[in-house]
Amino acid sequence: MPSRTPEEIRASIEENRLQLAVSLDRLRGEVVELSDWRRQLVAHQQQILIGAGAAGFVLGGGVAAVGSLLFGGKRRRRRREQSALTSAASQIASAAGSIASSAD
């Protein structure tokens, strides 16, 4: 193994120090860029809006509403039929009452 002279070792250390300084400056720039939340909002505006819309839909009960629309039809139909039967029964009772009154 060839030994290096003290001057070569100093030169190598200085070169490593300069490379480290460049790498550190580059890293600082990347950290500043990535931690700038305003810039991130502008860069990812569409994804953020889609996520916010989806979160609002879920928090606003959209899942329950869609489920009700898709699977709640039987209940609504049954309620309408019961309401129609109740209405028809009251009309029949009313008509029967008026016929009985007129027969007296």
N, C-alpha and C. Protein backbone atom coordinates (compact mmCIF):
# COMPACT_ATOMS: atom_id res chain seq x y z
N MET A 1 0.85 -1.16 0.00
CA MET A 1 0.00 0.00 0.00
C MET A 1 0.91 1.23 0.00
N PRO A 2 0.73 2.06 -1.03
CA PRO A 2 1.59 3.25 -1.09
C PRO A 2 1.15 4.26 -0.04
N SER A 3 2.08 4.82 0.64
CA SER A 3 1.75 5.82 1.66
C SER A 3 1.67 7.19 1.01
N ARG A 4 0.80 7.99 1.56
CA ARG A 4 0.62 9.34 1.01
C ARG A 4 1.44 10.31 1.84
N THR A 5 1.79 11.36 1.19
CA THR A 5 2.55 12.40 1.89
C THR A 5 1.58 13.26 2.68
N PRO A 6 2.04 13.98 3.67
CA PRO A 6 1.17 14.88 4.44
C PRO A 6 0.48 15.91 3.55
N GLU A 7 1.15 16.39 2.50
CA GLU A 7 0.51 17.36 1.60
C GLU A 7 -0.65 16.73 0.83
N GLU A 8 -0.51 15.47 0.42
CA GLU A 8 -1.60 14.78 -0.29
C GLU A 8 -2.79 14.56 0.65
N ILE A 9 -2.49 14.22 1.88
CA ILE A 9 -3.57 14.02 2.87
C ILE A 9 -4.29 15.34 3.11
N ARG A 10 -3.57 16.44 3.27
CA ARG A 10 -4.19 17.76 3.47
C ARG A 10 -5.03 18.14 2.27
N ALA A 11 -4.50 17.88 1.06
CA ALA A 11 -5.25 18.21 -0.16
C ALA A 11 -6.53 17.38 -0.24
N SER A 12 -6.45 16.11 0.14
CA SER A 12 -7.63 15.24 0.13
C SER A 12 -8.67 15.71 1.15
N ILE A 13 -8.21 16.10 2.32
CA ILE A 13 -9.12 16.61 3.35
C ILE A 13 -9.79 17.89 2.86
N GLU A 14 -9.03 18.78 2.25
CA GLU A 14 -9.59 20.04 1.76
C GLU A 14 -10.61 19.77 0.65
N GLU A 15 -10.32 18.84 -0.24
CA GLU A 15 -11.25 18.49 -1.31
C GLU A 15 -12.54 17.92 -0.73
N ASN A 16 -12.42 17.05 0.26
CA ASN A 16 -13.60 16.47 0.93
C ASN A 16 -14.40 17.56 1.63
N ARG A 17 -13.73 18.52 2.24
CA ARG A 17 -14.40 19.62 2.92
C ARG A 17 -15.20 20.45 1.92
N LEU A 18 -14.61 20.74 0.75
CA LEU A 18 -15.31 21.52 -0.28
C LEU A 18 -16.52 20.76 -0.82
N GLN A 19 -16.36 19.45 -1.06
CA GLN A 19 -17.49 18.64 -1.53
C GLN A 19 -18.60 18.59 -0.48
N LEU A 20 -18.22 18.50 0.78
CA LEU A 20 -19.20 18.48 1.87
C LEU A 20 -19.96 19.81 1.93
N ALA A 21 -19.26 20.91 1.74
CA ALA A 21 -19.91 22.22 1.77
C ALA A 21 -20.91 22.35 0.62
N VAL A 22 -20.56 21.87 -0.57
CA VAL A 22 -21.47 21.92 -1.71
C VAL A 22 -22.69 21.04 -1.44
N SER A 23 -22.46 19.85 -0.92
CA SER A 23 -23.57 18.94 -0.62
C SER A 23 -24.49 19.53 0.44
N LEU A 24 -23.91 20.16 1.44
CA LEU A 24 -24.71 20.77 2.50
C LEU A 24 -25.54 21.93 1.97
N ASP A 25 -24.97 22.75 1.10
CA ASP A 25 -25.74 23.85 0.49
C ASP A 25 -26.89 23.30 -0.34
N ARG A 26 -26.64 22.26 -1.11
CA ARG A 26 -27.69 21.64 -1.93
C ARG A 26 -28.80 21.09 -1.04
N LEU A 27 -28.41 20.43 0.05
CA LEU A 27 -29.38 19.86 0.98
C LEU A 27 -30.21 20.96 1.64
N ARG A 28 -29.58 22.06 2.04
CA ARG A 28 -30.33 23.19 2.62
C ARG A 28 -31.38 23.70 1.64
N GLY A 29 -30.98 23.84 0.38
CA GLY A 29 -31.93 24.31 -0.64
C GLY A 29 -33.10 23.37 -0.80
N GLU A 30 -32.84 22.07 -0.79
CA GLU A 30 -33.93 21.09 -0.92
C GLU A 30 -34.85 21.11 0.29
N VAL A 31 -34.28 21.26 1.48
CA VAL A 31 -35.10 21.32 2.70
C VAL A 31 -35.99 22.55 2.67
N VAL A 32 -35.43 23.69 2.27
CA VAL A 32 -36.23 24.92 2.19
C VAL A 32 -37.36 24.75 1.18
N GLU A 33 -37.05 24.16 0.05
CA GLU A 33 -38.05 23.97 -1.00
C GLU A 33 -39.16 23.02 -0.55
N LEU A 34 -38.80 21.93 0.09
CA LEU A 34 -39.80 20.96 0.51
C LEU A 34 -40.62 21.43 1.71
N SER A 35 -40.05 22.29 2.55
CA SER A 35 -40.80 22.76 3.72
C SER A 35 -41.59 24.03 3.45
N ASP A 36 -41.54 24.54 2.23
CA ASP A 36 -42.32 25.72 1.87
C ASP A 36 -43.74 25.26 1.54
N TRP A 37 -44.65 25.32 2.53
CA TRP A 37 -45.98 24.77 2.36
C TRP A 37 -46.81 25.55 1.34
N ARG A 38 -46.56 26.83 1.19
CA ARG A 38 -47.31 27.60 0.20
C ARG A 38 -46.98 27.12 -1.21
N ARG A 39 -45.72 26.88 -1.43
CA ARG A 39 -45.29 26.39 -2.75
C ARG A 39 -45.85 24.98 -2.99
N GLN A 40 -45.89 24.17 -1.95
CA GLN A 40 -46.45 22.83 -2.08
C GLN A 40 -47.94 22.89 -2.40
N LEU A 41 -48.65 23.83 -1.78
CA LEU A 41 -50.08 23.99 -2.09
C LEU A 41 -50.30 24.36 -3.55
N VAL A 42 -49.50 25.28 -4.04
CA VAL A 42 -49.63 25.70 -5.43
C VAL A 42 -49.27 24.55 -6.37
N ALA A 43 -48.22 23.81 -6.04
CA ALA A 43 -47.77 22.72 -6.90
C ALA A 43 -48.76 21.55 -6.93
N HIS A 44 -49.47 21.33 -5.83
CA HIS A 44 -50.38 20.17 -5.74
C HIS A 44 -51.82 20.61 -5.52
N GLN A 45 -52.22 21.69 -6.12
CA GLN A 45 -53.54 22.28 -5.88
C GLN A 45 -54.66 21.32 -6.26
N GLN A 46 -54.56 20.68 -7.42
CA GLN A 46 -55.64 19.80 -7.86
C GLN A 46 -55.81 18.61 -6.91
N GLN A 47 -54.71 17.99 -6.51
CA GLN A 47 -54.80 16.85 -5.61
C GLN A 47 -55.38 17.26 -4.26
N ILE A 48 -55.01 18.44 -3.79
CA ILE A 48 -55.52 18.92 -2.50
C ILE A 48 -57.02 19.18 -2.59
N LEU A 49 -57.47 19.78 -3.68
CA LEU A 49 -58.91 20.04 -3.84
C LEU A 49 -59.71 18.75 -3.92
N ILE A 50 -59.18 17.78 -4.63
CA ILE A 50 -59.87 16.49 -4.73
C ILE A 50 -59.95 15.84 -3.35
N GLY A 51 -58.85 15.86 -2.62
CA GLY A 51 -58.85 15.28 -1.27
C GLY A 51 -59.79 16.00 -0.33
N ALA A 52 -59.81 17.32 -0.41
CA ALA A 52 -60.70 18.10 0.46
C ALA A 52 -62.16 17.82 0.11
N GLY A 53 -62.45 17.71 -1.17
CA GLY A 53 -63.83 17.40 -1.59
C GLY A 53 -64.26 16.03 -1.12
N ALA A 54 -63.38 15.06 -1.24
CA ALA A 54 -63.71 13.70 -0.79
C ALA A 54 -63.90 13.67 0.72
N ALA A 55 -63.03 14.36 1.45
CA ALA A 55 -63.16 14.39 2.91
C ALA A 55 -64.46 15.08 3.32
N GLY A 56 -64.81 16.17 2.66
CA GLY A 56 -66.06 16.86 2.96
C GLY A 56 -67.27 16.00 2.67
N PHE A 57 -67.21 15.25 1.57
CA PHE A 57 -68.30 14.36 1.21
C PHE A 57 -68.51 13.30 2.28
N VAL A 58 -67.40 12.69 2.71
CA VAL A 58 -67.50 11.64 3.72
C VAL A 58 -67.96 12.22 5.05
N LEU A 59 -67.36 13.34 5.47
CA LEU A 59 -67.76 13.94 6.74
C LEU A 59 -69.17 14.48 6.71
N GLY A 60 -69.64 14.88 5.55
CA GLY A 60 -70.99 15.43 5.41
C GLY A 60 -72.06 14.37 5.30
N GLY A 61 -71.71 13.13 5.41
CA GLY A 61 -72.72 12.08 5.37
C GLY A 61 -73.02 11.61 3.96
N GLY A 62 -72.15 11.87 3.04
CA GLY A 62 -72.38 11.48 1.65
C GLY A 62 -72.51 9.99 1.48
N VAL A 63 -71.76 9.24 2.26
CA VAL A 63 -71.83 7.79 2.15
C VAL A 63 -73.22 7.30 2.54
N ALA A 64 -73.74 7.83 3.61
CA ALA A 64 -75.08 7.42 4.05
C ALA A 64 -76.14 7.84 3.04
N ALA A 65 -75.96 9.03 2.47
CA ALA A 65 -76.94 9.51 1.49
C ALA A 65 -76.93 8.64 0.24
N VAL A 66 -75.75 8.32 -0.24
CA VAL A 66 -75.67 7.47 -1.43
C VAL A 66 -76.22 6.08 -1.12
N GLY A 67 -75.88 5.56 0.04
CA GLY A 67 -76.42 4.26 0.43
C GLY A 67 -77.93 4.27 0.51
N SER A 68 -78.47 5.33 1.03
CA SER A 68 -79.92 5.46 1.12
C SER A 68 -80.54 5.51 -0.26
N LEU A 69 -79.90 6.26 -1.16
CA LEU A 69 -80.43 6.33 -2.52
C LEU A 69 -80.36 4.98 -3.22
N LEU A 70 -79.28 4.26 -2.99
CA LEU A 70 -79.10 2.99 -3.68
C LEU A 70 -79.88 1.86 -3.04
N PHE A 71 -79.93 1.83 -1.72
CA PHE A 71 -80.51 0.68 -1.04
C PHE A 71 -81.75 1.02 -0.21
N GLY A 72 -82.15 2.25 -0.16
CA GLY A 72 -83.29 2.64 0.66
C GLY A 72 -84.60 2.68 -0.10
N GLY A 73 -84.59 2.26 -1.35
CA GLY A 73 -85.79 2.33 -2.18
C GLY A 73 -86.93 1.48 -1.66
N LYS A 74 -86.63 0.31 -1.11
CA LYS A 74 -87.69 -0.57 -0.61
C LYS A 74 -88.42 0.08 0.56
N ARG A 75 -87.65 0.71 1.45
CA ARG A 75 -88.28 1.36 2.61
C ARG A 75 -89.17 2.52 2.16
N ARG A 76 -88.67 3.30 1.21
CA ARG A 76 -89.46 4.44 0.73
C ARG A 76 -90.73 3.97 0.03
N ARG A 77 -90.62 2.93 -0.76
CA ARG A 77 -91.79 2.39 -1.44
C ARG A 77 -92.81 1.87 -0.44
N ARG A 78 -92.32 1.17 0.58
CA ARG A 78 -93.20 0.62 1.60
C ARG A 78 -93.92 1.75 2.33
N ARG A 79 -93.21 2.82 2.66
CA ARG A 79 -93.83 3.97 3.33
C ARG A 79 -94.89 4.61 2.44
N ARG A 80 -94.59 4.75 1.14
CA ARG A 80 -95.56 5.33 0.22
C ARG A 80 -96.81 4.45 0.12
N GLU A 81 -96.60 3.13 0.06
CA GLU A 81 -97.74 2.21 -0.02
C GLU A 81 -98.58 2.29 1.25
N GLN A 82 -97.91 2.35 2.43
CA GLN A 82 -98.65 2.46 3.68
C GLN A 82 -99.42 3.77 3.74
N SER A 83 -98.78 4.83 3.27
CA SER A 83 -99.44 6.13 3.27
C SER A 83 -100.64 6.11 2.33
N ALA A 84 -100.49 5.48 1.17
CA ALA A 84 -101.59 5.40 0.23
C ALA A 84 -102.73 4.56 0.79
N LEU A 85 -102.38 3.45 1.48
CA LEU A 85 -103.42 2.61 2.09
C LEU A 85 -104.15 3.35 3.19
N THR A 86 -103.42 4.09 4.00
CA THR A 86 -104.03 4.86 5.08
C THR A 86 -104.95 5.92 4.50
N SER A 87 -104.49 6.58 3.45
CA SER A 87 -105.30 7.61 2.81
C SER A 87 -106.56 7.00 2.19
N ALA A 88 -106.41 5.86 1.53
CA ALA A 88 -107.58 5.20 0.92
C ALA A 88 -108.55 4.74 1.99
N ALA A 89 -108.04 4.22 3.11
CA ALA A 89 -108.90 3.76 4.19
C ALA A 89 -109.67 4.92 4.80
N SER A 90 -109.01 6.06 4.95
CA SER A 90 -109.71 7.21 5.53
C SER A 90 -110.76 7.74 4.55
N GLN A 91 -110.47 7.68 3.25
CA GLN A 91 -111.46 8.11 2.27
C GLN A 91 -112.67 7.19 2.27
N ILE A 92 -112.41 5.89 2.38
CA ILE A 92 -113.51 4.92 2.42
C ILE A 92 -114.34 5.13 3.67
N ALA A 93 -113.68 5.36 4.80
CA ALA A 93 -114.41 5.58 6.06
C ALA A 93 -115.22 6.86 5.97
N SER A 94 -114.66 7.86 5.36
CA SER A 94 -115.38 9.13 5.19
C SER A 94 -116.59 8.94 4.30
N ALA A 95 -116.38 8.22 3.20
CA ALA A 95 -117.50 7.97 2.27
C ALA A 95 -118.57 7.13 2.94
N ALA A 96 -118.16 6.14 3.71
CA ALA A 96 -119.13 5.27 4.41
C ALA A 96 -119.90 6.09 5.44
N GLY A 97 -119.20 7.02 6.11
CA GLY A 97 -119.86 7.87 7.09
C GLY A 97 -120.87 8.79 6.43
N SER A 98 -120.52 9.34 5.27
CA SER A 98 -121.47 10.24 4.60
C SER A 98 -122.66 9.46 4.02
N ILE A 99 -122.44 8.21 3.60
CA ILE A 99 -123.55 7.40 3.09
C ILE A 99 -124.48 7.06 4.25
N ALA A 100 -123.91 6.71 5.41
CA ALA A 100 -124.71 6.37 6.57
C ALA A 100 -125.49 7.58 7.04
N SER A 101 -124.90 8.79 6.95
CA SER A 101 -125.60 9.99 7.37
C SER A 101 -126.76 10.32 6.43
N SER A 102 -126.52 10.11 5.16
CA SER A 102 -127.57 10.44 4.20
C SER A 102 -128.70 9.43 4.22
N ALA A 103 -128.43 8.20 4.66
CA ALA A 103 -129.45 7.17 4.74
C ALA A 103 -130.35 7.41 5.93
N ASP A 104 -129.92 8.10 6.92
CA ASP A 104 -130.75 8.35 8.11
C ASP A 104 -131.74 9.39 7.85
